[in-house]
């Protein structure tokens, strides 16, 4: 069975074809709120034509942080994939993850899906750091519960804001600079972004583990998201990097609801 999974984020949508925990094919496209259901269908069918396994799709699982885009995806699934069973992750859908928040409905579907994948793939408590439009930190208890997290501005939007508000600053390519103490403006921006975000991650993760009150070595710290590659090597906290964590979680949700 091949499952089509779609993680619709604020900036990008990640689409993958999965079979029993293996990502067979994947694509990353811009999330455009102006795109209609028919346009999404044309885009999706064009991508699937490139894949040798697309003809075997027997189910679809979707999560989204963008309500307007999710609305168009619902219309597309009904109008263009009406015979294919699908699951949209939202309140009421079985995930098996207790969400211990003041208002569980406020938690983004992708964050719950990440928690499910982390709890299923790794034993013990876990912290998932997802580098996207925002950098999110999600904490999973030793019992597999979603116990809370943190949200900070993402790397790209932070750099964009700095370039827009700083009269003599500009957006630069996000690469590791030669040194932390930079000798020019470009590398100074790169140093602040790369090493600054790495230190932020290590600091927040350290505080979270302290609050969990568990041994540091028992906590799995997992990096995911499209921008993880920029800082993951500079962080001291990570025990694993799983770029397809959300897609793997979507496959688990589909299995629990099909």
Protein backbone atom coordinates (compact mmCIF):
# COMPACT_ATOMS: atom_id res chain seq x y z
CA UNK A 1 0.00 0.00 0.00
CA UNK A 2 1.33 3.43 -0.95
CA UNK A 3 0.10 6.38 1.07
CA UNK A 4 0.25 9.97 -0.14
CA UNK A 5 1.05 12.30 2.78
CA UNK A 6 0.96 16.10 2.68
CA UNK A 7 2.30 18.44 5.36
CA UNK A 8 0.93 21.90 4.48
CA UNK A 9 3.01 24.56 6.21
CA UNK A 10 2.90 28.34 6.11
CA UNK A 11 5.69 28.65 3.55
CA UNK A 12 6.06 25.21 1.98
CA UNK A 13 4.07 22.04 1.48
CA UNK A 14 5.94 18.75 1.74
CA UNK A 15 4.37 15.85 -0.17
CA UNK A 16 5.57 12.28 0.11
CA UNK A 17 4.70 8.75 -0.98
CA UNK A 18 5.16 6.31 1.89
CA UNK A 19 4.96 2.57 2.35
CA UNK A 20 5.35 1.03 5.80
CA UNK A 21 7.64 3.72 7.19
CA UNK A 22 9.69 4.17 4.02
CA UNK A 23 9.55 7.42 2.03
CA UNK A 24 9.47 6.28 -1.59
CA UNK A 25 9.26 9.72 -3.19
CA UNK A 26 8.95 13.30 -1.99
CA UNK A 27 8.48 16.87 -3.20
CA UNK A 28 8.58 20.33 -1.64
CA UNK A 29 6.43 23.11 -3.16
CA UNK A 30 5.45 26.64 -2.17
CA UNK A 31 2.27 27.01 -0.13
CA UNK A 32 0.18 29.57 -2.01
CA UNK A 33 -3.12 30.59 -0.40
CA UNK A 34 -4.37 31.83 -3.79
CA UNK A 35 -4.09 28.40 -5.37
CA UNK A 36 -7.50 26.82 -6.00
CA UNK A 37 -8.50 23.20 -5.55
CA UNK A 38 -8.21 22.62 -9.30
CA UNK A 39 -4.75 24.21 -9.38
CA UNK A 40 -3.60 22.00 -6.49
CA UNK A 41 -4.93 18.99 -8.40
CA UNK A 42 -2.99 19.92 -11.54
CA UNK A 43 0.18 20.46 -9.49
CA UNK A 44 -0.22 17.22 -7.55
CA UNK A 45 -0.99 15.11 -10.61
CA UNK A 46 2.01 16.60 -12.39
CA UNK A 47 4.30 15.63 -9.51
CA UNK A 48 2.84 12.14 -9.27
CA UNK A 49 3.42 11.54 -12.98
CA UNK A 50 7.15 11.74 -12.21
CA UNK A 51 6.95 8.86 -9.74
CA UNK A 52 7.09 5.17 -10.55
CA UNK A 53 4.93 4.30 -7.51
CA UNK A 54 2.19 6.93 -7.84
CA UNK A 55 -0.23 4.52 -9.55
CA UNK A 56 -0.38 2.46 -6.36
CA UNK A 57 -1.72 5.25 -4.09
CA UNK A 58 -4.42 3.73 -1.89
CA UNK A 59 -4.86 6.48 0.70
CA UNK A 60 -4.13 10.13 1.50
CA UNK A 61 -3.24 11.77 4.84
CA UNK A 62 -3.05 15.55 5.28
CA UNK A 63 -2.21 18.02 8.03
CA UNK A 64 -2.15 21.79 7.66
CA UNK A 65 -1.37 24.99 9.54
CA UNK A 66 -3.07 27.10 6.84
CA UNK A 67 -6.91 26.92 7.01
CA UNK A 68 -7.48 28.55 3.60
CA UNK A 69 -5.21 26.03 1.86
CA UNK A 70 -6.71 23.10 3.77
CA UNK A 71 -10.16 24.17 2.54
CA UNK A 72 -8.96 23.92 -1.07
CA UNK A 73 -7.31 20.57 -0.37
CA UNK A 74 -10.61 19.22 0.99
CA UNK A 75 -12.36 20.31 -2.21
CA UNK A 76 -9.57 18.77 -4.30
CA UNK A 77 -9.73 15.45 -2.44
CA UNK A 78 -13.48 15.21 -2.98
CA UNK A 79 -13.49 16.46 -6.58
CA UNK A 80 -10.35 14.77 -7.93
CA UNK A 81 -9.66 11.85 -5.59
CA UNK A 82 -13.18 10.92 -4.55
CA UNK A 83 -12.55 7.16 -4.59
CA UNK A 84 -9.37 7.32 -2.48
CA UNK A 85 -9.85 7.17 1.32
CA UNK A 86 -8.28 10.12 3.11
CA UNK A 87 -7.67 11.45 6.63
CA UNK A 88 -7.29 15.12 7.55
CA UNK A 89 -5.65 15.56 10.94
CA UNK A 90 -7.88 17.80 13.06
CA UNK A 91 -9.65 17.69 16.45
CA UNK A 92 -11.60 14.46 16.70
CA UNK A 93 -9.21 12.40 14.59
CA UNK A 94 -7.61 9.54 16.51
CA UNK A 95 -3.88 10.04 17.02
CA UNK A 96 -3.34 8.15 20.27
CA UNK A 97 -1.48 11.16 21.68
CA UNK A 98 -3.02 12.73 24.81
CA UNK A 99 -2.61 16.51 24.44
CA UNK A 100 -2.05 17.96 27.92
CA UNK A 101 -2.60 21.62 27.05
CA UNK A 102 -4.96 24.29 28.41
CA UNK A 103 -6.79 24.15 25.07
CA UNK A 104 -5.78 21.07 23.03
CA UNK A 105 -7.53 22.47 19.93
CA UNK A 106 -4.97 25.28 19.77
CA UNK A 107 -2.10 22.89 19.09
CA UNK A 108 -1.16 22.73 15.41
CA UNK A 109 -1.96 19.42 13.73
CA UNK A 110 1.63 19.08 12.53
CA UNK A 111 2.92 19.35 16.10
CA UNK A 112 0.63 16.55 17.31
CA UNK A 113 1.68 14.43 14.32
CA UNK A 114 5.36 15.06 15.13
CA UNK A 115 4.73 14.05 18.74
CA UNK A 116 3.09 10.82 17.59
CA UNK A 117 5.99 9.98 15.29
CA UNK A 118 8.56 10.76 18.00
CA UNK A 119 6.71 8.64 20.57
CA UNK A 120 6.40 5.75 18.11
CA UNK A 121 9.93 5.80 16.69
CA UNK A 122 11.86 6.50 19.89
CA UNK A 123 11.49 5.07 23.37
CA UNK A 124 11.23 7.44 26.31
CA UNK A 125 10.75 11.20 26.50
CA UNK A 126 11.46 13.29 23.42
CA UNK A 127 11.76 16.88 22.23
CA UNK A 128 11.04 17.63 18.58
CA UNK A 129 12.52 20.81 17.11
CA UNK A 130 10.86 21.65 13.80
CA UNK A 131 12.63 24.32 11.73
CA UNK A 132 10.06 25.97 9.47
CA UNK A 133 8.45 29.39 9.14
CA UNK A 134 8.49 29.25 12.93
CA UNK A 135 10.87 27.13 14.99
CA UNK A 136 8.71 24.96 17.22
CA UNK A 137 9.72 22.86 20.21
CA UNK A 138 7.37 20.02 21.16
CA UNK A 139 7.81 17.90 24.27
CA UNK A 140 6.68 14.28 24.59
CA UNK A 141 6.56 12.70 28.05
CA UNK A 142 7.89 9.21 28.84
CA UNK A 143 4.26 8.02 28.55
CA UNK A 144 3.85 9.39 25.01
CA UNK A 145 1.83 12.45 26.01
CA UNK A 146 2.15 15.83 24.34
CA UNK A 147 2.93 18.02 27.35
CA UNK A 148 3.62 21.39 25.71
CA UNK A 149 6.32 23.29 23.90
CA UNK A 150 7.61 26.62 22.67
CA UNK A 151 7.44 28.69 19.47
CA UNK A 152 10.04 31.16 18.22
CA UNK A 153 10.45 33.06 14.92
CA UNK A 154 11.95 30.93 12.18
CA UNK A 155 15.38 31.46 10.69
CA UNK A 156 14.19 32.76 7.32
CA UNK A 157 11.67 35.27 8.64
CA UNK A 158 14.13 36.53 11.26
CA UNK A 159 16.72 37.23 8.58
CA UNK A 160 14.09 38.79 6.34
CA UNK A 161 12.88 41.09 9.15
CA UNK A 162 16.45 42.13 9.95
CA UNK A 163 17.14 43.01 6.34
CA UNK A 164 13.91 44.99 6.09
CA UNK A 165 14.38 46.98 9.28
CA UNK A 166 18.17 47.43 9.19
CA UNK A 167 19.13 50.34 6.93
CA UNK A 168 22.57 48.94 6.06
CA UNK A 169 21.71 45.25 6.31
CA UNK A 170 20.50 42.88 3.62
CA UNK A 171 19.38 39.31 3.28
CA UNK A 172 22.35 37.00 2.86
CA UNK A 173 22.76 33.32 2.01
CA UNK A 174 22.45 31.25 5.15
CA UNK A 175 25.82 29.49 5.29
CA UNK A 176 28.16 28.70 8.16
CA UNK A 177 30.64 31.60 8.42
CA UNK A 178 34.36 30.97 8.86
CA UNK A 179 34.34 32.19 12.47
CA UNK A 180 31.91 33.34 15.13
CA UNK A 181 33.77 36.66 15.32
CA UNK A 182 33.06 37.89 11.81
CA UNK A 183 35.24 40.25 9.80
CA UNK A 184 32.58 41.58 7.42
CA UNK A 185 28.86 42.35 7.46
CA UNK A 186 27.78 39.30 5.46
CA UNK A 187 29.55 36.88 7.78
CA UNK A 188 28.41 38.86 10.82
CA UNK A 189 24.80 38.23 9.76
CA UNK A 190 25.56 34.59 9.08
CA UNK A 191 27.23 34.22 12.47
CA UNK A 192 24.30 35.76 14.29
CA UNK A 193 21.81 33.58 12.46
CA UNK A 194 23.59 30.22 12.43
CA UNK A 195 25.31 30.30 15.81
CA UNK A 196 22.58 32.40 17.39
CA UNK A 197 19.83 29.94 16.47
CA UNK A 198 22.01 26.98 17.47
CA UNK A 199 22.54 28.51 20.89
CA UNK A 200 18.82 29.26 21.19
CA UNK A 201 17.98 25.63 20.46
CA UNK A 202 20.52 24.28 22.93
CA UNK A 203 19.33 26.73 25.59
CA UNK A 204 15.61 25.99 25.24
CA UNK A 205 16.16 22.23 25.02
CA UNK A 206 18.31 22.32 28.17
CA UNK A 207 15.62 24.20 30.09
CA UNK A 208 12.92 21.81 28.84
CA UNK A 209 14.87 18.75 29.99
CA UNK A 210 15.36 20.41 33.38
CA UNK A 211 11.61 20.99 33.68
CA UNK A 212 10.86 17.41 32.61
CA UNK A 213 13.00 16.32 35.56
CA UNK A 214 14.40 13.29 33.77
CA UNK A 215 18.00 12.26 33.05
CA UNK A 216 19.40 14.20 30.09
CA UNK A 217 20.68 11.02 28.45
CA UNK A 218 17.15 9.55 28.42
CA UNK A 219 15.70 12.33 26.23
CA UNK A 220 15.66 11.97 22.45
CA UNK A 221 16.07 15.38 20.80
CA UNK A 222 14.97 15.19 17.17
CA UNK A 223 15.57 17.78 14.46
CA UNK A 224 13.14 18.08 11.55
CA UNK A 225 11.85 20.71 9.11
CA UNK A 226 13.07 22.29 5.90
CA UNK A 227 15.60 24.64 7.55
CA UNK A 228 17.12 22.14 9.99
CA UNK A 229 20.22 21.64 7.85
CA UNK A 230 21.30 25.24 8.47
CA UNK A 231 22.00 24.86 12.18
CA UNK A 232 21.72 21.20 13.13
CA UNK A 233 25.47 20.58 12.93
CA UNK A 234 26.12 23.55 15.23
CA UNK A 235 23.77 22.31 17.97
CA UNK A 236 24.95 20.12 20.82
CA UNK A 237 21.49 18.87 21.80
CA UNK A 238 20.32 16.68 18.93
CA UNK A 239 20.40 12.92 19.17
CA UNK A 240 18.64 12.34 15.83
CA UNK A 241 17.69 14.11 12.63
CA UNK A 242 14.53 12.95 10.87
CA UNK A 243 13.59 15.15 7.90
CA UNK A 244 10.41 13.15 7.19
CA UNK A 245 9.12 13.00 10.77
CA UNK A 246 5.78 14.67 9.96
CA UNK A 247 5.17 12.43 6.95
CA UNK A 248 5.91 9.35 9.06
CA UNK A 249 3.48 10.62 11.69
CA UNK A 250 0.80 11.12 9.04
CA UNK A 251 1.21 7.50 7.98
CA UNK A 252 0.65 6.43 11.60
CA UNK A 253 -2.46 8.61 11.89
CA UNK A 254 -3.90 7.18 8.68
CA UNK A 255 -3.35 3.62 9.96
CA UNK A 256 -5.21 4.47 13.18
CA UNK A 257 -8.19 5.97 11.36
CA UNK A 258 -8.55 3.82 8.25
